[in-house]
Amino acid sequence: MKVGNIEQVAANTSNGNFTTGSIGRGTIQSKFGNVKIRHAGQLTVDVSNGNFTCDDTETLKLKSRFGTVQIGDTGNLSADLSNGKLTAGKIEKAAISSRFAELTLGAISQSLIIDKAANGDITVRRIAAGARKIDIQSQFAAVKLHFDSAAVLDYDLETTFGTIKWDGFTRYDTHQETHTSRTRQSGKTGTAATQNPTLVRVAAKNGDLTLRNN
């Protein structure tokens, strides 16, 4: 199915593709087919056994199973993913849960919450200075977080059967606990005079955690 620009849509498709230009508001369910959208305002998508592509959205609520997801700039993203891959551009706010899904996010400007990500690596290529919160729970995944050079952090990190790697940050007020299989680090980056730090909370099991100051 292929349609042009539409203000509102409610579509339920199976065994075929759905392609459209611009959607103001919509709900799309698709099985065994690909969904491709150029632009959307407020969009809810449930795709199984197919890929989803959208150039940019204002608000996106997404459920994807057994497929590849590619999205551009997004204001507010809520995603539940399994058995696939997500590649995204710039995102203001994101809340994601995933299983057997690789996550690659281009940029986060305000907040990122990843709850119970399992069996899929997580990479964020740019976290803006002044972002409010990064909160990640992961299992059997490598987590790589790249922060703006001006970013300052208030961090509480824990790995079990994994290591914490720092690159380019100056840390102070640090505390570390190390046990047989678990390491916990807390503290701040920058200086004591720095204000408005990004809160970073990560609990990673069976995977390494890397924090890099770009």
N, C-alpha and C. Protein backbone atom coordinates (compact mmCIF):
# COMPACT_ATOMS: atom_id res chain seq x y z
N MET A 1 0.86 -1.20 0.00
CA MET A 1 0.00 0.00 0.00
C MET A 1 0.89 1.25 0.00
N LYS A 2 0.57 2.20 -0.88
CA LYS A 2 1.33 3.43 -0.96
C LYS A 2 0.36 4.60 -1.05
N VAL A 3 0.50 5.57 -0.14
CA VAL A 3 -0.38 6.73 -0.12
C VAL A 3 0.45 7.99 0.02
N GLY A 4 -0.15 9.16 -0.27
CA GLY A 4 0.54 10.42 -0.15
C GLY A 4 0.45 10.99 1.25
N ASN A 5 0.51 12.31 1.33
CA ASN A 5 0.44 12.97 2.62
C ASN A 5 -0.98 12.88 3.18
N ILE A 6 -1.10 12.53 4.47
CA ILE A 6 -2.41 12.40 5.09
C ILE A 6 -2.37 12.99 6.49
N GLU A 7 -3.50 13.55 6.91
CA GLU A 7 -3.55 14.18 8.23
C GLU A 7 -3.70 13.15 9.34
N GLN A 8 -4.52 12.12 9.12
CA GLN A 8 -4.75 11.13 10.15
C GLN A 8 -4.94 9.77 9.50
N VAL A 9 -4.38 8.72 10.14
CA VAL A 9 -4.48 7.39 9.56
C VAL A 9 -4.56 6.35 10.67
N ALA A 10 -5.34 5.30 10.40
CA ALA A 10 -5.36 4.10 11.24
C ALA A 10 -5.29 2.93 10.27
N ALA A 11 -4.16 2.24 10.25
CA ALA A 11 -3.94 1.20 9.25
C ALA A 11 -3.54 -0.10 9.92
N ASN A 12 -4.03 -1.20 9.35
CA ASN A 12 -3.69 -2.54 9.82
C ASN A 12 -3.41 -3.38 8.58
N THR A 13 -2.13 -3.73 8.39
CA THR A 13 -1.74 -4.42 7.17
C THR A 13 -1.02 -5.72 7.51
N SER A 14 -1.05 -6.64 6.57
CA SER A 14 -0.31 -7.89 6.72
C SER A 14 0.11 -8.39 5.34
N ASN A 15 1.29 -9.01 5.30
CA ASN A 15 1.80 -9.59 4.06
C ASN A 15 1.90 -8.56 2.94
N GLY A 16 2.34 -7.36 3.31
CA GLY A 16 2.53 -6.31 2.31
C GLY A 16 3.13 -5.08 2.94
N ASN A 17 3.70 -4.19 2.13
CA ASN A 17 4.36 -3.00 2.62
C ASN A 17 3.40 -1.82 2.71
N PHE A 18 3.74 -0.86 3.60
CA PHE A 18 2.97 0.37 3.76
C PHE A 18 3.94 1.54 3.63
N THR A 19 3.67 2.43 2.67
CA THR A 19 4.55 3.58 2.42
C THR A 19 3.70 4.83 2.30
N THR A 20 4.15 5.90 2.97
CA THR A 20 3.43 7.17 2.89
C THR A 20 4.39 8.33 3.06
N GLY A 21 3.92 9.53 2.72
CA GLY A 21 4.75 10.72 2.85
C GLY A 21 4.70 11.29 4.25
N SER A 22 3.74 12.17 4.50
CA SER A 22 3.63 12.85 5.79
C SER A 22 2.33 12.46 6.48
N ILE A 23 2.42 12.18 7.79
CA ILE A 23 1.26 11.84 8.61
C ILE A 23 1.17 12.82 9.77
N GLY A 24 0.02 13.43 9.97
CA GLY A 24 -0.15 14.30 11.13
C GLY A 24 -0.25 13.50 12.42
N ARG A 25 -1.15 12.53 12.39
CA ARG A 25 -1.37 11.68 13.56
C ARG A 25 -1.79 10.30 13.04
N GLY A 26 -1.26 9.23 13.65
CA GLY A 26 -1.64 7.94 13.12
C GLY A 26 -1.28 6.76 14.00
N THR A 27 -1.94 5.63 13.69
CA THR A 27 -1.66 4.34 14.31
C THR A 27 -1.52 3.31 13.20
N ILE A 28 -0.42 2.57 13.23
CA ILE A 28 -0.15 1.60 12.17
C ILE A 28 0.24 0.28 12.80
N GLN A 29 -0.42 -0.78 12.39
CA GLN A 29 -0.06 -2.14 12.75
C GLN A 29 0.31 -2.90 11.49
N SER A 30 1.44 -3.58 11.52
CA SER A 30 1.90 -4.27 10.32
C SER A 30 2.54 -5.60 10.69
N LYS A 31 2.17 -6.65 9.92
CA LYS A 31 2.76 -7.97 10.09
C LYS A 31 3.28 -8.45 8.74
N PHE A 32 4.51 -8.95 8.75
CA PHE A 32 5.11 -9.51 7.54
C PHE A 32 5.11 -8.50 6.40
N GLY A 33 5.57 -7.29 6.74
CA GLY A 33 5.71 -6.25 5.73
C GLY A 33 6.49 -5.08 6.29
N ASN A 34 7.02 -4.24 5.40
CA ASN A 34 7.80 -3.09 5.82
C ASN A 34 6.94 -1.83 5.85
N VAL A 35 7.27 -0.93 6.77
CA VAL A 35 6.59 0.35 6.89
C VAL A 35 7.60 1.47 6.67
N LYS A 36 7.27 2.39 5.76
CA LYS A 36 8.17 3.50 5.45
C LYS A 36 7.40 4.80 5.44
N ILE A 37 7.84 5.77 6.26
CA ILE A 37 7.15 7.05 6.41
C ILE A 37 8.18 8.17 6.33
N ARG A 38 7.83 9.24 5.64
CA ARG A 38 8.78 10.35 5.53
C ARG A 38 8.77 11.23 6.78
N HIS A 39 7.58 11.66 7.20
CA HIS A 39 7.47 12.53 8.37
C HIS A 39 6.18 12.20 9.11
N ALA A 40 6.24 12.29 10.45
CA ALA A 40 5.03 12.06 11.25
C ALA A 40 5.01 13.02 12.44
N GLY A 41 3.81 13.45 12.81
CA GLY A 41 3.65 14.26 14.02
C GLY A 41 3.61 13.36 15.23
N GLN A 42 2.44 12.77 15.50
CA GLN A 42 2.28 11.81 16.59
C GLN A 42 1.95 10.45 15.99
N LEU A 43 2.79 9.47 16.27
CA LEU A 43 2.67 8.19 15.58
C LEU A 43 2.85 7.03 16.55
N THR A 44 1.96 6.03 16.44
CA THR A 44 2.08 4.77 17.16
C THR A 44 2.22 3.66 16.13
N VAL A 45 3.27 2.85 16.27
CA VAL A 45 3.56 1.82 15.28
C VAL A 45 3.84 0.50 15.99
N ASP A 46 3.23 -0.58 15.46
CA ASP A 46 3.47 -1.94 15.94
C ASP A 46 3.82 -2.77 14.70
N VAL A 47 5.08 -3.15 14.61
CA VAL A 47 5.57 -3.87 13.43
C VAL A 47 6.17 -5.20 13.88
N SER A 48 5.74 -6.28 13.23
CA SER A 48 6.35 -7.58 13.51
C SER A 48 6.75 -8.24 12.18
N ASN A 49 7.92 -8.84 12.18
CA ASN A 49 8.44 -9.51 10.99
C ASN A 49 8.49 -8.56 9.79
N GLY A 50 9.04 -7.37 10.06
CA GLY A 50 9.20 -6.38 9.00
C GLY A 50 9.99 -5.20 9.51
N ASN A 51 10.48 -4.38 8.59
CA ASN A 51 11.30 -3.23 8.94
C ASN A 51 10.47 -1.95 9.02
N PHE A 52 10.96 -0.99 9.82
CA PHE A 52 10.29 0.30 9.95
C PHE A 52 11.29 1.41 9.70
N THR A 53 10.89 2.38 8.84
CA THR A 53 11.75 3.52 8.52
C THR A 53 10.92 4.80 8.59
N CYS A 54 11.47 5.80 9.27
CA CYS A 54 10.81 7.11 9.33
C CYS A 54 11.88 8.19 9.39
N ASP A 55 11.79 9.19 8.49
CA ASP A 55 12.83 10.21 8.43
C ASP A 55 12.84 11.10 9.66
N ASP A 56 11.67 11.52 10.15
CA ASP A 56 11.62 12.31 11.38
C ASP A 56 10.21 12.29 11.94
N THR A 57 10.13 12.36 13.27
CA THR A 57 8.86 12.36 13.97
C THR A 57 8.91 13.33 15.15
N GLU A 58 7.75 13.81 15.54
CA GLU A 58 7.67 14.62 16.76
C GLU A 58 7.53 13.72 17.98
N THR A 59 6.60 12.76 17.92
CA THR A 59 6.40 11.80 19.01
C THR A 59 6.17 10.43 18.40
N LEU A 60 6.96 9.45 18.84
CA LEU A 60 6.86 8.11 18.27
C LEU A 60 6.79 7.08 19.39
N LYS A 61 5.72 6.27 19.36
CA LYS A 61 5.59 5.11 20.24
C LYS A 61 5.71 3.88 19.36
N LEU A 62 6.72 3.07 19.61
CA LEU A 62 7.08 2.00 18.68
C LEU A 62 7.22 0.67 19.37
N LYS A 63 6.67 -0.36 18.74
CA LYS A 63 6.90 -1.74 19.13
C LYS A 63 7.37 -2.48 17.90
N SER A 64 8.52 -3.13 18.01
CA SER A 64 9.09 -3.82 16.85
C SER A 64 9.62 -5.18 17.26
N ARG A 65 9.27 -6.20 16.46
CA ARG A 65 9.74 -7.55 16.71
C ARG A 65 10.22 -8.15 15.40
N PHE A 66 11.44 -8.69 15.43
CA PHE A 66 12.01 -9.33 14.25
C PHE A 66 12.07 -8.37 13.06
N GLY A 67 12.76 -7.23 13.29
CA GLY A 67 12.90 -6.28 12.19
C GLY A 67 13.95 -5.23 12.50
N THR A 68 14.34 -4.49 11.47
CA THR A 68 15.29 -3.39 11.59
C THR A 68 14.53 -2.07 11.61
N VAL A 69 14.92 -1.19 12.53
CA VAL A 69 14.27 0.11 12.67
C VAL A 69 15.30 1.21 12.37
N GLN A 70 14.93 2.13 11.48
CA GLN A 70 15.76 3.28 11.17
C GLN A 70 14.89 4.53 11.28
N ILE A 71 15.24 5.41 12.20
CA ILE A 71 14.49 6.65 12.36
C ILE A 71 15.45 7.82 12.40
N GLY A 72 14.97 8.98 11.92
CA GLY A 72 15.78 10.18 11.94
C GLY A 72 15.59 10.96 13.22
N ASP A 73 15.43 12.25 13.10
CA ASP A 73 15.28 13.10 14.29
C ASP A 73 13.91 12.87 14.92
N THR A 74 13.89 12.77 16.25
CA THR A 74 12.67 12.46 16.98
C THR A 74 12.61 13.30 18.25
N GLY A 75 11.45 13.87 18.51
CA GLY A 75 11.30 14.64 19.73
C GLY A 75 11.20 13.75 20.96
N ASN A 76 10.22 12.84 20.94
CA ASN A 76 9.97 11.96 22.08
C ASN A 76 9.80 10.54 21.57
N LEU A 77 10.68 9.65 21.99
CA LEU A 77 10.65 8.26 21.52
C LEU A 77 10.38 7.32 22.68
N SER A 78 9.38 6.43 22.48
CA SER A 78 9.13 5.32 23.39
C SER A 78 9.18 4.05 22.55
N ALA A 79 10.08 3.12 22.89
CA ALA A 79 10.28 1.96 22.03
C ALA A 79 10.43 0.69 22.83
N ASP A 80 9.80 -0.37 22.32
CA ASP A 80 9.92 -1.72 22.86
C ASP A 80 10.37 -2.60 21.70
N LEU A 81 11.59 -3.13 21.80
CA LEU A 81 12.20 -3.81 20.67
C LEU A 81 12.63 -5.22 21.06
N SER A 82 12.49 -6.14 20.13
CA SER A 82 13.02 -7.48 20.34
C SER A 82 13.46 -8.07 19.01
N ASN A 83 14.59 -8.74 19.06
CA ASN A 83 15.10 -9.47 17.91
C ASN A 83 15.23 -8.58 16.68
N GLY A 84 16.08 -7.55 16.80
CA GLY A 84 16.27 -6.66 15.67
C GLY A 84 17.38 -5.65 15.93
N LYS A 85 17.22 -4.48 15.33
CA LYS A 85 18.24 -3.44 15.42
C LYS A 85 17.58 -2.08 15.29
N LEU A 86 18.01 -1.13 16.12
CA LEU A 86 17.51 0.24 16.05
C LEU A 86 18.67 1.18 15.77
N THR A 87 18.51 2.01 14.72
CA THR A 87 19.45 3.08 14.42
C THR A 87 18.65 4.38 14.38
N ALA A 88 19.08 5.37 15.16
CA ALA A 88 18.31 6.61 15.27
C ALA A 88 19.22 7.82 15.13
N GLY A 89 18.64 8.95 14.75
CA GLY A 89 19.37 10.21 14.65
C GLY A 89 19.34 10.98 15.95
N LYS A 90 18.96 12.25 15.88
CA LYS A 90 18.91 13.08 17.07
C LYS A 90 17.58 12.87 17.80
N ILE A 91 17.65 12.66 19.11
CA ILE A 91 16.47 12.43 19.94
C ILE A 91 16.51 13.36 21.14
N GLU A 92 15.38 13.98 21.45
CA GLU A 92 15.32 14.80 22.66
C GLU A 92 15.17 13.91 23.89
N LYS A 93 14.10 13.11 23.93
CA LYS A 93 13.84 12.23 25.06
C LYS A 93 13.56 10.82 24.53
N ALA A 94 14.13 9.82 25.20
CA ALA A 94 13.91 8.44 24.77
C ALA A 94 13.74 7.53 25.97
N ALA A 95 12.77 6.61 25.87
CA ALA A 95 12.58 5.54 26.85
C ALA A 95 12.50 4.24 26.06
N ILE A 96 13.43 3.32 26.32
CA ILE A 96 13.57 2.14 25.48
C ILE A 96 13.73 0.90 26.35
N SER A 97 13.07 -0.18 25.92
CA SER A 97 13.34 -1.51 26.46
C SER A 97 13.66 -2.40 25.26
N SER A 98 14.57 -3.36 25.45
CA SER A 98 14.99 -4.16 24.30
C SER A 98 15.49 -5.53 24.74
N ARG A 99 15.30 -6.48 23.83
CA ARG A 99 15.78 -7.84 24.02
C ARG A 99 16.31 -8.34 22.68
N PHE A 100 17.55 -8.78 22.69
CA PHE A 100 18.18 -9.26 21.47
C PHE A 100 18.08 -8.21 20.36
N ALA A 101 18.36 -6.97 20.72
CA ALA A 101 18.29 -5.86 19.76
C ALA A 101 19.48 -4.93 19.99
N GLU A 102 20.19 -4.60 18.95
CA GLU A 102 21.31 -3.66 19.01
C GLU A 102 20.77 -2.24 18.88
N LEU A 103 21.25 -1.34 19.75
CA LEU A 103 20.78 0.05 19.77
C LEU A 103 21.93 0.99 19.42
N THR A 104 21.73 1.83 18.40
CA THR A 104 22.70 2.86 18.04
C THR A 104 21.95 4.18 17.91
N LEU A 105 22.22 5.10 18.84
CA LEU A 105 21.53 6.38 18.87
C LEU A 105 22.51 7.48 18.49
N GLY A 106 22.10 8.35 17.56
CA GLY A 106 23.00 9.39 17.10
C GLY A 106 23.28 10.44 18.15
N ALA A 107 22.23 10.96 18.78
CA ALA A 107 22.41 12.02 19.77
C ALA A 107 21.22 12.06 20.72
N ILE A 108 21.50 12.41 21.98
CA ILE A 108 20.48 12.62 23.00
C ILE A 108 20.67 14.04 23.54
N SER A 109 19.59 14.84 23.54
CA SER A 109 19.72 16.21 24.02
C SER A 109 19.18 16.42 25.42
N GLN A 110 18.20 15.58 25.87
CA GLN A 110 17.62 15.80 27.18
C GLN A 110 17.72 14.58 28.10
N SER A 111 17.15 13.45 27.70
CA SER A 111 17.17 12.31 28.61
C SER A 111 17.10 11.00 27.84
N LEU A 112 17.66 9.96 28.47
CA LEU A 112 17.62 8.61 27.92
C LEU A 112 17.42 7.63 29.06
N ILE A 113 16.36 6.82 28.95
CA ILE A 113 16.11 5.75 29.92
C ILE A 113 16.03 4.45 29.14
N ILE A 114 16.91 3.53 29.45
CA ILE A 114 16.90 2.20 28.84
C ILE A 114 16.71 1.20 29.97
N ASP A 115 15.58 0.52 29.93
CA ASP A 115 15.19 -0.38 31.02
C ASP A 115 15.30 -1.83 30.55
N LYS A 116 16.13 -2.58 31.23
CA LYS A 116 16.21 -4.02 31.00
C LYS A 116 16.60 -4.37 29.57
N ALA A 117 17.60 -3.69 29.04
CA ALA A 117 18.13 -4.05 27.74
C ALA A 117 18.97 -5.32 27.90
N ALA A 118 18.71 -6.31 27.07
CA ALA A 118 19.40 -7.59 27.21
C ALA A 118 19.84 -8.10 25.85
N ASN A 119 21.07 -8.61 25.81
CA ASN A 119 21.59 -9.30 24.64
C ASN A 119 21.59 -8.42 23.39
N GLY A 120 22.09 -7.20 23.55
CA GLY A 120 22.24 -6.30 22.42
C GLY A 120 23.05 -5.09 22.83
N ASP A 121 24.13 -4.78 22.12
CA ASP A 121 25.00 -3.66 22.50
C ASP A 121 24.28 -2.32 22.36
N ILE A 122 24.74 -1.35 23.18
CA ILE A 122 24.14 -0.01 23.21
C ILE A 122 25.23 1.02 22.94
N THR A 123 25.02 1.86 21.92
CA THR A 123 25.97 2.93 21.61
C THR A 123 25.21 4.24 21.46
N VAL A 124 25.66 5.27 22.19
CA VAL A 124 25.13 6.62 22.01
C VAL A 124 26.30 7.48 21.56
N ARG A 125 26.21 8.02 20.35
CA ARG A 125 27.35 8.70 19.74
C ARG A 125 27.55 10.11 20.25
N ARG A 126 26.50 10.72 20.78
CA ARG A 126 26.65 12.08 21.32
C ARG A 126 25.56 12.34 22.35
N ILE A 127 25.98 12.68 23.57
CA ILE A 127 25.07 13.11 24.62
C ILE A 127 25.40 14.56 24.92
N ALA A 128 24.43 15.43 24.75
CA ALA A 128 24.67 16.87 24.82
C ALA A 128 25.05 17.31 26.22
N ALA A 129 25.92 18.31 26.29
CA ALA A 129 26.19 18.97 27.56
C ALA A 129 24.89 19.61 28.03
N GLY A 130 24.52 19.37 29.27
CA GLY A 130 23.27 19.90 29.79
C GLY A 130 22.12 18.92 29.72
N ALA A 131 22.33 17.74 29.13
CA ALA A 131 21.30 16.70 29.19
C ALA A 131 20.99 16.40 30.65
N ARG A 132 19.73 16.10 30.93
CA ARG A 132 19.33 15.98 32.33
C ARG A 132 19.67 14.61 32.93
N LYS A 133 19.38 13.54 32.20
CA LYS A 133 19.47 12.23 32.82
C LYS A 133 19.77 11.14 31.80
N ILE A 134 20.69 10.26 32.18
CA ILE A 134 20.97 9.03 31.45
C ILE A 134 20.84 7.88 32.44
N ASP A 135 19.90 6.97 32.21
CA ASP A 135 19.65 5.87 33.14
C ASP A 135 19.53 4.59 32.33
N ILE A 136 20.48 3.67 32.54
CA ILE A 136 20.54 2.46 31.71
C ILE A 136 20.70 1.23 32.60
N GLN A 137 19.91 0.21 32.32
CA GLN A 137 20.08 -1.11 32.91
C GLN A 137 20.26 -2.10 31.77
N SER A 138 21.33 -2.88 31.81
CA SER A 138 21.63 -3.76 30.68
C SER A 138 22.20 -5.09 31.18
N GLN A 139 22.03 -6.10 30.33
CA GLN A 139 22.58 -7.43 30.58
C GLN A 139 23.15 -7.97 29.27
N PHE A 140 24.32 -8.59 29.38
CA PHE A 140 24.95 -9.21 28.21
C PHE A 140 25.03 -8.22 27.05
N ALA A 141 25.56 -7.02 27.35
CA ALA A 141 25.66 -5.97 26.35
C ALA A 141 26.83 -5.06 26.68
N ALA A 142 27.54 -4.61 25.65
CA ALA A 142 28.53 -3.55 25.81
C ALA A 142 27.82 -2.21 25.70
N VAL A 143 28.13 -1.28 26.63
CA VAL A 143 27.49 0.04 26.64
C VAL A 143 28.58 1.09 26.39
N LYS A 144 28.38 1.91 25.33
CA LYS A 144 29.34 2.96 24.99
C LYS A 144 28.62 4.29 24.92
N LEU A 145 29.03 5.22 25.78
CA LEU A 145 28.40 6.53 25.87
C LEU A 145 29.42 7.61 25.54
N HIS A 146 29.12 8.42 24.53
CA HIS A 146 30.01 9.50 24.10
C HIS A 146 29.36 10.83 24.47
N PHE A 147 30.04 11.61 25.30
CA PHE A 147 29.50 12.87 25.79
C PHE A 147 30.19 14.05 25.11
N ASP A 148 29.46 15.17 24.97
CA ASP A 148 30.07 16.40 24.48
C ASP A 148 31.28 16.77 25.33
N SER A 149 32.22 17.47 24.72
CA SER A 149 33.44 17.84 25.45
C SER A 149 33.14 18.73 26.65
N ALA A 150 32.04 19.50 26.59
CA ALA A 150 31.69 20.40 27.70
C ALA A 150 30.82 19.72 28.75
N ALA A 151 30.48 18.47 28.58
CA ALA A 151 29.57 17.79 29.51
C ALA A 151 30.23 17.56 30.86
N VAL A 152 29.43 17.69 31.91
CA VAL A 152 29.86 17.35 33.27
C VAL A 152 28.85 16.35 33.82
N LEU A 153 29.35 15.41 34.62
CA LEU A 153 28.52 14.30 35.05
C LEU A 153 28.46 14.18 36.57
N ASP A 154 27.31 13.74 37.04
CA ASP A 154 27.13 13.25 38.40
C ASP A 154 26.78 11.78 38.21
N TYR A 155 27.71 10.89 38.50
CA TYR A 155 27.55 9.51 38.05
C TYR A 155 27.52 8.50 39.20
N ASP A 156 26.78 7.42 38.94
CA ASP A 156 26.72 6.26 39.82
C ASP A 156 26.66 5.05 38.89
N LEU A 157 27.74 4.31 38.83
CA LEU A 157 27.91 3.25 37.84
C LEU A 157 28.21 1.92 38.53
N GLU A 158 27.67 0.85 37.95
CA GLU A 158 27.93 -0.47 38.51
C GLU A 158 28.03 -1.50 37.37
N THR A 159 29.04 -2.31 37.41
CA THR A 159 29.17 -3.41 36.48
C THR A 159 29.34 -4.71 37.26
N THR A 160 28.74 -5.77 36.73
CA THR A 160 28.92 -7.12 37.27
C THR A 160 29.44 -7.98 36.13
N PHE A 161 30.60 -8.59 36.34
CA PHE A 161 31.28 -9.32 35.29
C PHE A 161 31.53 -8.41 34.08
N GLY A 162 32.06 -7.22 34.36
CA GLY A 162 32.40 -6.27 33.32
C GLY A 162 33.29 -5.19 33.90
N THR A 163 33.84 -4.33 33.04
CA THR A 163 34.73 -3.26 33.48
C THR A 163 34.15 -1.90 33.13
N ILE A 164 34.58 -0.87 33.87
CA ILE A 164 34.21 0.51 33.60
C ILE A 164 35.44 1.21 33.03
N LYS A 165 35.27 1.81 31.84
CA LYS A 165 36.38 2.45 31.14
C LYS A 165 36.07 3.93 30.94
N TRP A 166 37.04 4.78 31.32
CA TRP A 166 36.90 6.23 31.17
C TRP A 166 37.87 6.72 30.11
N ASP A 167 37.43 7.74 29.34
CA ASP A 167 38.29 8.32 28.32
C ASP A 167 38.04 9.81 28.23
N GLY A 168 38.98 10.62 28.75
CA GLY A 168 38.93 12.06 28.56
C GLY A 168 38.30 12.87 29.66
N PHE A 169 37.79 12.25 30.71
CA PHE A 169 37.14 12.97 31.79
C PHE A 169 38.11 13.24 32.95
N THR A 170 37.93 14.40 33.60
CA THR A 170 38.58 14.68 34.88
C THR A 170 37.56 14.44 35.97
N ARG A 171 37.87 13.52 36.90
CA ARG A 171 36.90 13.14 37.92
C ARG A 171 37.36 13.61 39.30
N TYR A 172 36.38 13.88 40.16
CA TYR A 172 36.69 14.24 41.55
C TYR A 172 35.58 13.72 42.44
N ASP A 173 35.80 13.81 43.75
CA ASP A 173 34.82 13.33 44.72
C ASP A 173 34.40 11.90 44.41
N THR A 174 35.39 11.07 44.10
CA THR A 174 35.11 9.72 43.61
C THR A 174 35.09 8.70 44.74
N HIS A 175 34.32 7.66 44.51
CA HIS A 175 34.23 6.55 45.44
C HIS A 175 34.14 5.27 44.63
N GLN A 176 34.88 4.25 45.03
CA GLN A 176 34.85 2.99 44.30
C GLN A 176 34.79 1.82 45.26
N GLU A 177 33.93 0.86 44.91
CA GLU A 177 33.83 -0.40 45.63
C GLU A 177 34.10 -1.53 44.63
N THR A 178 34.97 -2.44 45.01
CA THR A 178 35.29 -3.56 44.12
C THR A 178 35.15 -4.86 44.88
N HIS A 179 34.35 -5.76 44.33
CA HIS A 179 34.18 -7.09 44.89
C HIS A 179 34.64 -8.11 43.85
N THR A 180 34.43 -9.35 44.12
CA THR A 180 34.94 -10.39 43.22
C THR A 180 34.49 -10.18 41.78
N SER A 181 33.22 -9.95 41.57
CA SER A 181 32.70 -9.82 40.21
C SER A 181 32.03 -8.48 39.95
N ARG A 182 31.98 -7.61 40.95
CA ARG A 182 31.22 -6.36 40.83
C ARG A 182 32.09 -5.16 41.14
N THR A 183 31.91 -4.11 40.34
CA THR A 183 32.58 -2.83 40.57
C THR A 183 31.55 -1.72 40.57
N ARG A 184 31.64 -0.84 41.56
CA ARG A 184 30.75 0.32 41.61
C ARG A 184 31.59 1.58 41.77
N GLN A 185 31.27 2.59 40.96
CA GLN A 185 31.95 3.88 41.02
C GLN A 185 30.92 4.99 41.09
N SER A 186 31.19 5.99 41.90
CA SER A 186 30.33 7.16 41.97
C SER A 186 31.21 8.40 42.12
N GLY A 187 30.66 9.54 41.73
CA GLY A 187 31.42 10.77 41.84
C GLY A 187 30.95 11.80 40.84
N LYS A 188 31.84 12.74 40.50
CA LYS A 188 31.50 13.83 39.58
C LYS A 188 32.68 14.07 38.64
N THR A 189 32.37 14.73 37.52
CA THR A 189 33.44 15.16 36.62
C THR A 189 33.46 16.68 36.57
N GLY A 190 34.54 17.22 36.05
CA GLY A 190 34.69 18.67 36.01
C GLY A 190 35.36 19.17 37.27
N THR A 191 34.81 20.24 37.86
CA THR A 191 35.32 20.80 39.10
C THR A 191 34.17 21.03 40.06
N ALA A 192 34.52 21.35 41.29
CA ALA A 192 33.49 21.58 42.31
C ALA A 192 32.61 22.77 41.97
N ALA A 193 33.10 23.69 41.13
CA ALA A 193 32.32 24.87 40.77
C ALA A 193 31.34 24.59 39.63
N THR A 194 31.43 23.43 39.01
CA THR A 194 30.57 23.11 37.88
C THR A 194 29.12 22.93 38.32
N GLN A 195 28.20 23.49 37.54
CA GLN A 195 26.78 23.40 37.86
C GLN A 195 26.03 22.63 36.77
N ASN A 196 24.82 22.19 37.12
CA ASN A 196 23.91 21.52 36.20
C ASN A 196 24.54 20.29 35.53
N PRO A 197 25.02 19.35 36.32
CA PRO A 197 25.60 18.14 35.71
C PRO A 197 24.52 17.22 35.16
N THR A 198 24.91 16.36 34.26
CA THR A 198 24.03 15.31 33.77
C THR A 198 24.07 14.14 34.74
N LEU A 199 22.90 13.70 35.21
CA LEU A 199 22.84 12.55 36.09
C LEU A 199 23.00 11.29 35.25
N VAL A 200 24.00 10.48 35.58
CA VAL A 200 24.27 9.26 34.82
C VAL A 200 24.21 8.08 35.77
N ARG A 201 23.26 7.20 35.53
CA ARG A 201 23.09 6.00 36.35
C ARG A 201 23.10 4.79 35.41
N VAL A 202 24.07 3.92 35.59
CA VAL A 202 24.17 2.74 34.73
C VAL A 202 24.43 1.52 35.60
N ALA A 203 23.65 0.45 35.37
CA ALA A 203 23.89 -0.84 36.00
C ALA A 203 24.01 -1.86 34.86
N ALA A 204 25.21 -2.39 34.67
CA ALA A 204 25.48 -3.27 33.54
C ALA A 204 25.97 -4.63 34.06
N LYS A 205 25.33 -5.67 33.57
CA LYS A 205 25.72 -7.03 33.94
C LYS A 205 26.26 -7.75 32.70
N ASN A 206 27.38 -8.43 32.89
CA ASN A 206 27.97 -9.22 31.82
C ASN A 206 28.25 -8.38 30.57
N GLY A 207 28.88 -7.23 30.79
CA GLY A 207 29.25 -6.37 29.68
C GLY A 207 30.03 -5.17 30.17
N ASP A 208 30.92 -4.65 29.32
CA ASP A 208 31.74 -3.49 29.69
C ASP A 208 30.97 -2.19 29.48
N LEU A 209 31.37 -1.17 30.24
CA LEU A 209 30.79 0.16 30.15
C LEU A 209 31.91 1.15 29.82
N THR A 210 31.73 1.95 28.74
CA THR A 210 32.71 2.95 28.34
C THR A 210 32.06 4.32 28.32
N LEU A 211 32.73 5.30 28.96
CA LEU A 211 32.28 6.68 28.95
C LEU A 211 33.39 7.52 28.34
N ARG A 212 33.07 8.24 27.27
CA ARG A 212 34.09 8.99 26.53
C ARG A 212 33.68 10.45 26.42
N ASN A 213 34.67 11.34 26.64
CA ASN A 213 34.46 12.77 26.51
C ASN A 213 34.98 13.19 25.12
N ASN A 214 34.04 13.43 24.18
CA ASN A 214 34.43 13.69 22.79
C ASN A 214 35.22 14.99 22.63
